Structure formats: C-alpha cells, structure tokens
Amino acid sequence: MIMPQVLSLLILAISASAQIDYAQYVNPFIGSEGPISGQAFGGGDIFVGGAVPFGVVKLGMDSHEANLSVATLNGGYTPQGNVTAFSMLHESGTGGCPKYGVIPQMPLTTVDSPVNILDNTTYWQSRVGNDTATVGYFRTELANGVTTELSASRHAGILQHSFPAGEKHVLVDISHYLPQGNGGYCDQYFIGGEIDLQPGGSVYSGYGTYVGGWNEGEDVKPY
C-alpha cells in the first residue's frame, strides 16, 4: 500500500517532469551534413521539416546541389543548394537513391518564360540567411523575398508563404520529384497525373503517379 503522503510526492514529481519541454534540446539538423562543411555528402541522408510521430506527412524542402559528385539528394534537404519545392512526402536516413519529394508547392513572385514544369531548374530559388528548424517546424527565406514556414499534422501538411509586395504565385507542379541527378537503375519517374483548380483559385485537388526510386518499387499514386 502506498501512503497518501508518498502518493502526493509522486504526483508532484510527475507533474514537475511533465512541464519540461525536452524537444527544445533537439537539433533537427544533426545528420544533414557530412565531414565537408555545408555539404550533405557523407551525412545522415536525413529529412528536415515538419512531421509528427507515426504521421503520414513528412513536409520539407527539396533542394538541388550543383556539384553532384558530393551531392546527397535522397532526403530532400541539403545545407546548400537551390530550393526546387516544398513537398509532402520524404524518407529519412536510408542512403542510396532518392525517393518521393512529391506533391509540391513552390512560392514565386514572377512566372517569367520559360517555366518548364518538367524541369525544376527553371523556377528554383536560392536561399538567404540560415534555415531554422525545431521539432515539427521549419523556416527558410528565398532569394525572391518569400519566407516559407512548415509544420504538419498526422495527415496534413501546413505551409505558410509570406510574400513581399508585388506578384504572388504558388506553383503546384505534380511532375516534381527528387531526382537521382547522375541517372541510374533506381531513378524515379513521373508517369502522369491530374489537377483540378476550383473557381477562385483557392482550392485544388488531384493526384500524381510515380515509379522507381530507392526501393525500385512499383508505381505509387498519392492524391
């Protein structure tokens, strides 16, 4: 039998420990770079972005490094390189070929020709300043003046794009995915898709179909 005094002390101890936010000690960038400062090569091949335990969504930034000989693109995030999109699905820590990087948004202040939606490089943006990440939250600022903040629930991605004065566009490129870069047997490919924009432009729905990637899997069709 537990005496009432001991029980009250246990409750106090549990309450005190429950008030400590241990997430404040987590650095989500650990593993995002390897032995070469600023390069993802040789690191943990990790995803950095918004997610919750056992959540379907891993919402994060997709970036592309110019020097593919020291690039690691499979988790989407690289410490340096141009941003190609913010997408809903990623893997983390697998190494090897990229997988997912699908269902994206890319905030733009201009849509000048040429914009080839099958080629990420025609609309990518460099970053300014340093990226910020805490548990479940990510923030970056693009060279076009847009600041993007990300978080996620178990089944939804939450994005906030803060635009400077002027034009405001959000490109939804369902053909976007994380590329292998050097080519090879485990490339991903976009097979096809469909998007429906509702009147007023504030709601869209659709799907994309993708095949290949890290697990050399059959096609997947996220909606």
C-alpha atoms as a PDB file:
ATOM      1  CA  MET A   1       0.000   0.000   0.000  1.00  0.00           C
ATOM      2  CA  ILE A   2       1.282   3.488  -0.915  1.00  0.00           C
ATOM      3  CA  MET A   3       0.835   6.021   1.857  1.00  0.00           C
ATOM      4  CA  PRO A   4      -1.074   9.239   0.885  1.00  0.00           C
ATOM      5  CA  GLN A   5       1.997  11.388   1.571  1.00  0.00           C
ATOM      6  CA  VAL A   6       4.170   9.261  -0.742  1.00  0.00           C
ATOM      7  CA  LEU A   7       1.464   9.277  -3.422  1.00  0.00           C
ATOM      8  CA  SER A   8       1.231  13.074  -3.336  1.00  0.00           C
ATOM      9  CA  LEU A   9       5.027  13.323  -3.699  1.00  0.00           C
ATOM     10  CA  LEU A  10       4.899  11.002  -6.714  1.00  0.00           C
ATOM     11  CA  ILE A  11       2.184  13.132  -8.324  1.00  0.00           C
ATOM     12  CA  LEU A  12       4.232  16.272  -7.700  1.00  0.00           C
ATOM     13  CA  ALA A  13       7.302  14.659  -9.231  1.00  0.00           C
ATOM     14  CA  ILE A  14       5.350  13.536 -12.315  1.00  0.00           C
ATOM     15  CA  SER A  15       3.785  16.983 -12.727  1.00  0.00           C
ATOM     16  CA  ALA A  16       7.161  18.683 -12.470  1.00  0.00           C
ATOM     17  CA  SER A  17       8.741  16.424 -15.094  1.00  0.00           C
ATOM     18  CA  ALA A  18       5.757  16.874 -17.430  1.00  0.00           C
ATOM     19  CA  GLN A  19       6.405  20.626 -17.552  1.00  0.00           C
ATOM     20  CA  ILE A  20       9.897  20.228 -19.056  1.00  0.00           C
ATOM     21  CA  ASP A  21       9.901  20.637 -22.828  1.00  0.00           C
ATOM     22  CA  TYR A  22      12.605  18.188 -23.823  1.00  0.00           C
ATOM     23  CA  ALA A  23      12.014  18.974 -27.511  1.00  0.00           C
ATOM     24  CA  GLN A  24      13.919  22.219 -27.007  1.00  0.00           C
ATOM     25  CA  TYR A  25      17.142  20.221 -26.806  1.00  0.00           C
ATOM     26  CA  VAL A  26      16.652  18.519 -30.189  1.00  0.00           C
ATOM     27  CA  ASN A  27      18.640  19.786 -33.174  1.00  0.00           C
ATOM     28  CA  PRO A  28      16.825  18.637 -36.365  1.00  0.00           C
ATOM     29  CA  PHE A  29      19.864  19.492 -38.487  1.00  0.00           C
ATOM     30  CA  ILE A  30      22.043  16.754 -36.964  1.00  0.00           C
ATOM     31  CA  GLY A  31      22.954  14.423 -39.830  1.00  0.00           C
ATOM     32  CA  SER A  32      22.140  16.964 -42.549  1.00  0.00           C
ATOM     33  CA  GLU A  33      25.798  17.462 -43.453  1.00  0.00           C
ATOM     34  CA  GLY A  34      28.850  15.236 -43.594  1.00  0.00           C
ATOM     35  CA  PRO A  35      32.553  15.814 -42.999  1.00  0.00           C
ATOM     36  CA  ILE A  36      32.671  18.578 -45.644  1.00  0.00           C
ATOM     37  CA  SER A  37      31.154  21.666 -44.026  1.00  0.00           C
ATOM     38  CA  GLY A  38      27.960  22.741 -45.754  1.00  0.00           C
ATOM     39  CA  GLN A  39      27.709  19.575 -47.869  1.00  0.00           C
ATOM     40  CA  ALA A  40      25.211  16.766 -47.364  1.00  0.00           C
ATOM     41  CA  PHE A  41      27.612  14.162 -48.782  1.00  0.00           C
ATOM     42  CA  GLY A  42      28.679  11.658 -46.134  1.00  0.00           C
ATOM     43  CA  GLY A  43      25.997  12.774 -43.669  1.00  0.00           C
ATOM     44  CA  GLY A  44      22.904  11.021 -42.435  1.00  0.00           C
ATOM     45  CA  ASP A  45      20.793  11.480 -45.576  1.00  0.00           C
ATOM     46  CA  ILE A  46      18.038  12.936 -43.438  1.00  0.00           C
ATOM     47  CA  PHE A  47      14.783  14.762 -43.944  1.00  0.00           C
ATOM     48  CA  VAL A  48      14.476  18.152 -42.207  1.00  0.00           C
ATOM     49  CA  GLY A  49      10.972  19.568 -41.885  1.00  0.00           C
ATOM     50  CA  GLY A  50       7.584  19.200 -40.230  1.00  0.00           C
ATOM     51  CA  ALA A  51       6.389  15.808 -39.009  1.00  0.00           C
ATOM     52  CA  VAL A  52       4.789  14.134 -36.005  1.00  0.00           C
ATOM     53  CA  PRO A  53       5.423  10.593 -34.699  1.00  0.00           C
ATOM     54  CA  PHE A  54       3.794   7.969 -36.942  1.00  0.00           C
ATOM     55  CA  GLY A  55       2.484  10.717 -39.224  1.00  0.00           C
ATOM     56  CA  VAL A  56       1.869  10.094 -42.915  1.00  0.00           C
ATOM     57  CA  VAL A  57       3.213  13.529 -43.901  1.00  0.00           C
ATOM     58  CA  LYS A  58       6.893  14.485 -43.869  1.00  0.00           C
ATOM     59  CA  LEU A  59       6.686  18.035 -45.188  1.00  0.00           C
ATOM     60  CA  GLY A  60      10.017  19.558 -46.119  1.00  0.00           C
ATOM     61  CA  MET A  61      12.154  21.450 -48.560  1.00  0.00           C
ATOM     62  CA  ASP A  62      13.556  19.905 -51.716  1.00  0.00           C
ATOM     63  CA  SER A  63      16.889  21.314 -52.814  1.00  0.00           C
ATOM     64  CA  HIS A  64      19.458  20.637 -55.500  1.00  0.00           C
ATOM     65  CA  GLU A  65      23.220  20.903 -55.194  1.00  0.00           C
ATOM     66  CA  ALA A  66      25.162  21.940 -58.276  1.00  0.00           C
ATOM     67  CA  ASN A  67      28.108  19.609 -57.624  1.00  0.00           C
ATOM     68  CA  LEU A  68      26.529  16.181 -57.972  1.00  0.00           C
ATOM     69  CA  SER A  69      29.812  14.442 -57.128  1.00  0.00           C
ATOM     70  CA  VAL A  70      29.306  15.462 -53.482  1.00  0.00           C
ATOM     71  CA  ALA A  71      25.502  15.734 -53.524  1.00  0.00           C
ATOM     72  CA  THR A  72      23.100  13.691 -51.422  1.00  0.00           C
ATOM     73  CA  LEU A  73      19.571  14.401 -52.556  1.00  0.00           C
ATOM     74  CA  ASN A  74      17.629  11.404 -51.269  1.00  0.00           C
ATOM     75  CA  GLY A  75      16.165  13.065 -48.152  1.00  0.00           C
ATOM     76  CA  GLY A  76      15.266  16.282 -49.971  1.00  0.00           C
ATOM     77  CA  TYR A  77      17.203  18.635 -47.700  1.00  0.00           C
ATOM     78  CA  THR A  78      20.735  19.841 -48.367  1.00  0.00           C
ATOM     79  CA  PRO A  79      22.520  22.553 -46.324  1.00  0.00           C
ATOM     80  CA  GLN A  80      23.366  24.417 -49.520  1.00  0.00           C
ATOM     81  CA  GLY A  81      21.822  24.481 -52.964  1.00  0.00           C
ATOM     82  CA  ASN A  82      18.760  25.876 -54.681  1.00  0.00           C
ATOM     83  CA  VAL A  83      15.218  25.196 -53.469  1.00  0.00           C
ATOM     84  CA  THR A  84      13.045  23.451 -56.050  1.00  0.00           C
ATOM     85  CA  ALA A  85       9.863  22.943 -53.998  1.00  0.00           C
ATOM     86  CA  PHE A  86       8.304  22.206 -50.622  1.00  0.00           C
ATOM     87  CA  SER A  87       6.794  18.738 -50.811  1.00  0.00           C
ATOM     88  CA  MET A  88       4.707  16.454 -48.627  1.00  0.00           C
ATOM     89  CA  LEU A  89       6.431  13.062 -48.696  1.00  0.00           C
ATOM     90  CA  HIS A  90      10.056  12.208 -47.887  1.00  0.00           C
ATOM     91  CA  GLU A  91      12.160   9.415 -46.461  1.00  0.00           C
ATOM     92  CA  SER A  92      14.941   9.851 -43.946  1.00  0.00           C
ATOM     93  CA  GLY A  93      18.217   8.099 -43.271  1.00  0.00           C
ATOM     94  CA  THR A  94      18.082   5.406 -45.945  1.00  0.00           C
ATOM     95  CA  GLY A  95      21.022   6.478 -48.069  1.00  0.00           C
ATOM     96  CA  GLY A  96      21.102   5.342 -51.671  1.00  0.00           C
ATOM     97  CA  CYS A  97      18.806   6.742 -54.328  1.00  0.00           C
ATOM     98  CA  PRO A  98      16.186   9.443 -53.702  1.00  0.00           C
ATOM     99  CA  LYS A  99      12.552   8.591 -53.060  1.00  0.00           C
ATOM    100  CA  TYR A 100       9.407  10.769 -53.073  1.00  0.00           C
ATOM    101  CA  GLY A 101       9.652  14.548 -52.882  1.00  0.00           C
ATOM    102  CA  VAL A 102       6.133  14.589 -54.272  1.00  0.00           C
ATOM    103  CA  ILE A 103       3.018  16.771 -54.079  1.00  0.00           C
ATOM    104  CA  PRO A 104       4.907  20.087 -54.020  1.00  0.00           C
ATOM    105  CA  GLN A 105       4.346  23.795 -53.774  1.00  0.00           C
ATOM    106  CA  MET A 106       6.792  26.466 -54.906  1.00  0.00           C
ATOM    107  CA  PRO A 107       6.123  30.121 -53.988  1.00  0.00           C
ATOM    108  CA  LEU A 108       7.152  32.527 -56.750  1.00  0.00           C
ATOM    109  CA  THR A 109       6.995  36.276 -57.214  1.00  0.00           C
ATOM    110  CA  THR A 110       7.236  36.052 -61.006  1.00  0.00           C
ATOM    111  CA  VAL A 111       6.350  33.411 -63.569  1.00  0.00           C
ATOM    112  CA  ASP A 112       8.526  34.529 -66.453  1.00  0.00           C
ATOM    113  CA  SER A 113       9.078  32.405 -69.525  1.00  0.00           C
ATOM    114  CA  PRO A 114      10.469  29.861 -69.726  1.00  0.00           C
ATOM    115  CA  VAL A 115       8.906  27.912 -66.855  1.00  0.00           C
ATOM    116  CA  ASN A 116       9.177  24.232 -67.693  1.00  0.00           C
ATOM    117  CA  ILE A 117       7.283  22.236 -65.093  1.00  0.00           C
ATOM    118  CA  LEU A 118       9.211  19.107 -66.089  1.00  0.00           C
ATOM    119  CA  ASP A 119      12.495  20.835 -65.214  1.00  0.00           C
ATOM    120  CA  ASN A 120      12.952  22.085 -61.630  1.00  0.00           C
ATOM    121  CA  THR A 121      15.826  24.339 -62.635  1.00  0.00           C
ATOM    122  CA  THR A 122      13.678  26.893 -64.496  1.00  0.00           C
ATOM    123  CA  TYR A 123      11.961  28.108 -61.332  1.00  0.00           C
ATOM    124  CA  TRP A 124      14.280  27.161 -58.461  1.00  0.00           C
ATOM    125  CA  GLN A 125      15.369  29.755 -55.907  1.00  0.00           C
ATOM    126  CA  SER A 126      18.478  30.205 -53.804  1.00  0.00           C
ATOM    127  CA  ARG A 127      18.219  30.792 -50.049  1.00  0.00           C
ATOM    128  CA  VAL A 128      19.284  33.794 -47.999  1.00  0.00           C
ATOM    129  CA  GLY A 129      20.302  33.669 -44.345  1.00  0.00           C
ATOM    130  CA  ASN A 130      20.156  30.458 -42.335  1.00  0.00           C
ATOM    131  CA  ASP A 131      17.383  27.881 -42.246  1.00  0.00           C
ATOM    132  CA  THR A 132      15.612  27.444 -38.900  1.00  0.00           C
ATOM    133  CA  ALA A 133      14.213  24.186 -37.535  1.00  0.00           C
ATOM    134  CA  THR A 134      12.805  22.945 -34.262  1.00  0.00           C
ATOM    135  CA  VAL A 135      10.816  19.795 -33.588  1.00  0.00           C
ATOM    136  CA  GLY A 136       7.892  19.845 -36.029  1.00  0.00           C
ATOM    137  CA  TYR A 137       8.770  23.254 -37.534  1.00  0.00           C
ATOM    138  CA  PHE A 138      10.944  24.535 -40.388  1.00  0.00           C
ATOM    139  CA  ARG A 139      11.576  28.003 -41.816  1.00  0.00           C
ATOM    140  CA  THR A 140      13.577  29.291 -44.755  1.00  0.00           C
ATOM    141  CA  GLU A 141      13.828  32.517 -46.736  1.00  0.00           C
ATOM    142  CA  LEU A 142      14.175  32.513 -50.514  1.00  0.00           C
ATOM    143  CA  ALA A 143      16.085  34.981 -52.642  1.00  0.00           C
ATOM    144  CA  ASN A 144      12.813  36.203 -54.182  1.00  0.00           C
ATOM    145  CA  GLY A 145      11.792  37.557 -50.762  1.00  0.00           C
ATOM    146  CA  VAL A 146       9.349  34.795 -49.815  1.00  0.00           C
ATOM    147  CA  THR A 147       9.611  33.304 -46.326  1.00  0.00           C
ATOM    148  CA  THR A 148       8.160  29.809 -46.034  1.00  0.00           C
ATOM    149  CA  GLU A 149       7.274  28.121 -42.731  1.00  0.00           C
ATOM    150  CA  LEU A 150       6.311  24.454 -42.482  1.00  0.00           C
ATOM    151  CA  SER A 151       4.659  22.177 -39.970  1.00  0.00           C
ATOM    152  CA  ALA A 152       2.485  19.077 -40.158  1.00  0.00           C
ATOM    153  CA  SER A 153      -0.237  17.048 -38.542  1.00  0.00           C
ATOM    154  CA  ARG A 154      -0.535  13.280 -38.958  1.00  0.00           C
ATOM    155  CA  HIS A 155      -2.403  13.574 -42.260  1.00  0.00           C
ATOM    156  CA  ALA A 156      -1.824  17.137 -43.492  1.00  0.00           C
ATOM    157  CA  GLY A 157       0.998  19.493 -44.293  1.00  0.00           C
ATOM    158  CA  ILE A 158       0.757  23.075 -43.072  1.00  0.00           C
ATOM    159  CA  LEU A 159       2.541  25.724 -45.174  1.00  0.00           C
ATOM    160  CA  GLN A 160       2.684  29.484 -44.741  1.00  0.00           C
ATOM    161  CA  HIS A 161       4.236  31.550 -47.521  1.00  0.00           C
ATOM    162  CA  SER A 162       4.883  35.201 -46.599  1.00  0.00           C
ATOM    163  CA  PHE A 163       5.304  37.225 -49.795  1.00  0.00           C
ATOM    164  CA  PRO A 164       6.868  40.647 -50.335  1.00  0.00           C
ATOM    165  CA  ALA A 165       4.803  43.352 -52.050  1.00  0.00           C
ATOM    166  CA  GLY A 166       4.022  42.568 -55.674  1.00  0.00           C
ATOM    167  CA  GLU A 167       3.022  39.418 -57.513  1.00  0.00           C
ATOM    168  CA  LYS A 168       2.180  36.270 -55.579  1.00  0.00           C
ATOM    169  CA  HIS A 169       2.147  32.828 -57.181  1.00  0.00           C
ATOM    170  CA  VAL A 170       2.171  29.252 -55.873  1.00  0.00           C
ATOM    171  CA  LEU A 171       3.305  26.738 -58.472  1.00  0.00           C
ATOM    172  CA  VAL A 172       1.882  23.242 -57.927  1.00  0.00           C
ATOM    173  CA  ASP A 173       3.996  21.019 -60.157  1.00  0.00           C
ATOM    174  CA  ILE A 174       2.779  17.442 -59.811  1.00  0.00           C
ATOM    175  CA  SER A 175       5.568  16.268 -62.125  1.00  0.00           C
ATOM    176  CA  HIS A 176       8.095  17.253 -59.436  1.00  0.00           C
ATOM    177  CA  TYR A 177      10.037  14.546 -57.587  1.00  0.00           C
ATOM    178  CA  LEU A 178      13.515  14.126 -56.099  1.00  0.00           C
ATOM    179  CA  PRO A 179      15.892  13.348 -58.969  1.00  0.00           C
ATOM    180  CA  GLN A 180      18.783  10.916 -58.878  1.00  0.00           C
ATOM    181  CA  GLY A 181      20.980  13.520 -60.549  1.00  0.00           C
ATOM    182  CA  ASN A 182      23.505  11.139 -62.045  1.00  0.00           C
ATOM    183  CA  GLY A 183      20.914   8.787 -63.505  1.00  0.00           C
ATOM    184  CA  GLY A 184      20.900   5.068 -62.859  1.00  0.00           C
ATOM    185  CA  TYR A 185      18.811   1.976 -62.292  1.00  0.00           C
ATOM    186  CA  CYS A 186      16.887   3.420 -59.327  1.00  0.00           C
ATOM    187  CA  ASP A 187      15.752   6.699 -60.863  1.00  0.00           C
ATOM    188  CA  GLN A 188      12.269   7.907 -60.112  1.00  0.00           C
ATOM    189  CA  TYR A 189       9.922   8.771 -62.960  1.00  0.00           C
ATOM    190  CA  PHE A 190       6.709  10.768 -63.230  1.00  0.00           C
ATOM    191  CA  ILE A 191       4.126   8.661 -65.053  1.00  0.00           C
ATOM    192  CA  GLY A 192       1.197  11.064 -65.169  1.00  0.00           C
ATOM    193  CA  GLY A 193      -1.347  12.920 -63.109  1.00  0.00           C
ATOM    194  CA  GLU A 194      -4.252  15.287 -62.967  1.00  0.00           C
ATOM    195  CA  ILE A 195      -5.054  18.517 -61.170  1.00  0.00           C
ATOM    196  CA  ASP A 196      -8.365  20.325 -60.806  1.00  0.00           C
ATOM    197  CA  LEU A 197      -8.421  24.003 -59.836  1.00  0.00           C
ATOM    198  CA  GLN A 198     -11.659  25.199 -58.257  1.00  0.00           C
ATOM    199  CA  PRO A 199     -13.226  28.567 -59.204  1.00  0.00           C
ATOM    200  CA  GLY A 200     -11.415  31.411 -57.450  1.00  0.00           C
ATOM    201  CA  GLY A 201      -8.128  29.526 -57.416  1.00  0.00           C
ATOM    202  CA  SER A 202      -8.027  28.874 -53.665  1.00  0.00           C
ATOM    203  CA  VAL A 203      -8.677  25.100 -53.733  1.00  0.00           C
ATOM    204  CA  TYR A 204      -7.104  22.431 -55.887  1.00  0.00           C
ATOM    205  CA  SER A 205      -7.208  18.631 -55.897  1.00  0.00           C
ATOM    206  CA  GLY A 206      -5.643  15.879 -57.938  1.00  0.00           C
ATOM    207  CA  TYR A 207      -3.047  13.118 -57.967  1.00  0.00           C
ATOM    208  CA  GLY A 208       0.317  12.142 -59.370  1.00  0.00           C
ATOM    209  CA  THR A 209       1.728   8.737 -60.270  1.00  0.00           C
ATOM    210  CA  TYR A 210       5.412   7.960 -59.748  1.00  0.00           C
ATOM    211  CA  VAL A 211       7.555   4.865 -60.144  1.00  0.00           C
ATOM    212  CA  GLY A 212      11.057   3.767 -59.121  1.00  0.00           C
ATOM    213  CA  GLY A 213      13.313   5.344 -56.554  1.00  0.00           C
ATOM    214  CA  TRP A 214      15.217   3.940 -53.602  1.00  0.00           C
ATOM    215  CA  ASN A 215      13.232   0.717 -53.214  1.00  0.00           C
ATOM    216  CA  GLU A 216      12.868   0.203 -57.006  1.00  0.00           C
ATOM    217  CA  GLY A 217       9.169  -0.116 -56.252  1.00  0.00           C
ATOM    218  CA  GLU A 218       6.000  -0.289 -58.267  1.00  0.00           C
ATOM    219  CA  ASP A 219       4.147   2.910 -59.072  1.00  0.00           C
ATOM    220  CA  VAL A 220       2.521   4.917 -56.275  1.00  0.00           C
ATOM    221  CA  LYS A 221      -0.354   7.360 -56.672  1.00  0.00           C
ATOM    222  CA  PRO A 222      -0.668   9.931 -53.854  1.00  0.00           C
ATOM    223  CA  TYR A 223      -3.770  12.138 -54.027  1.00  0.00           C
END
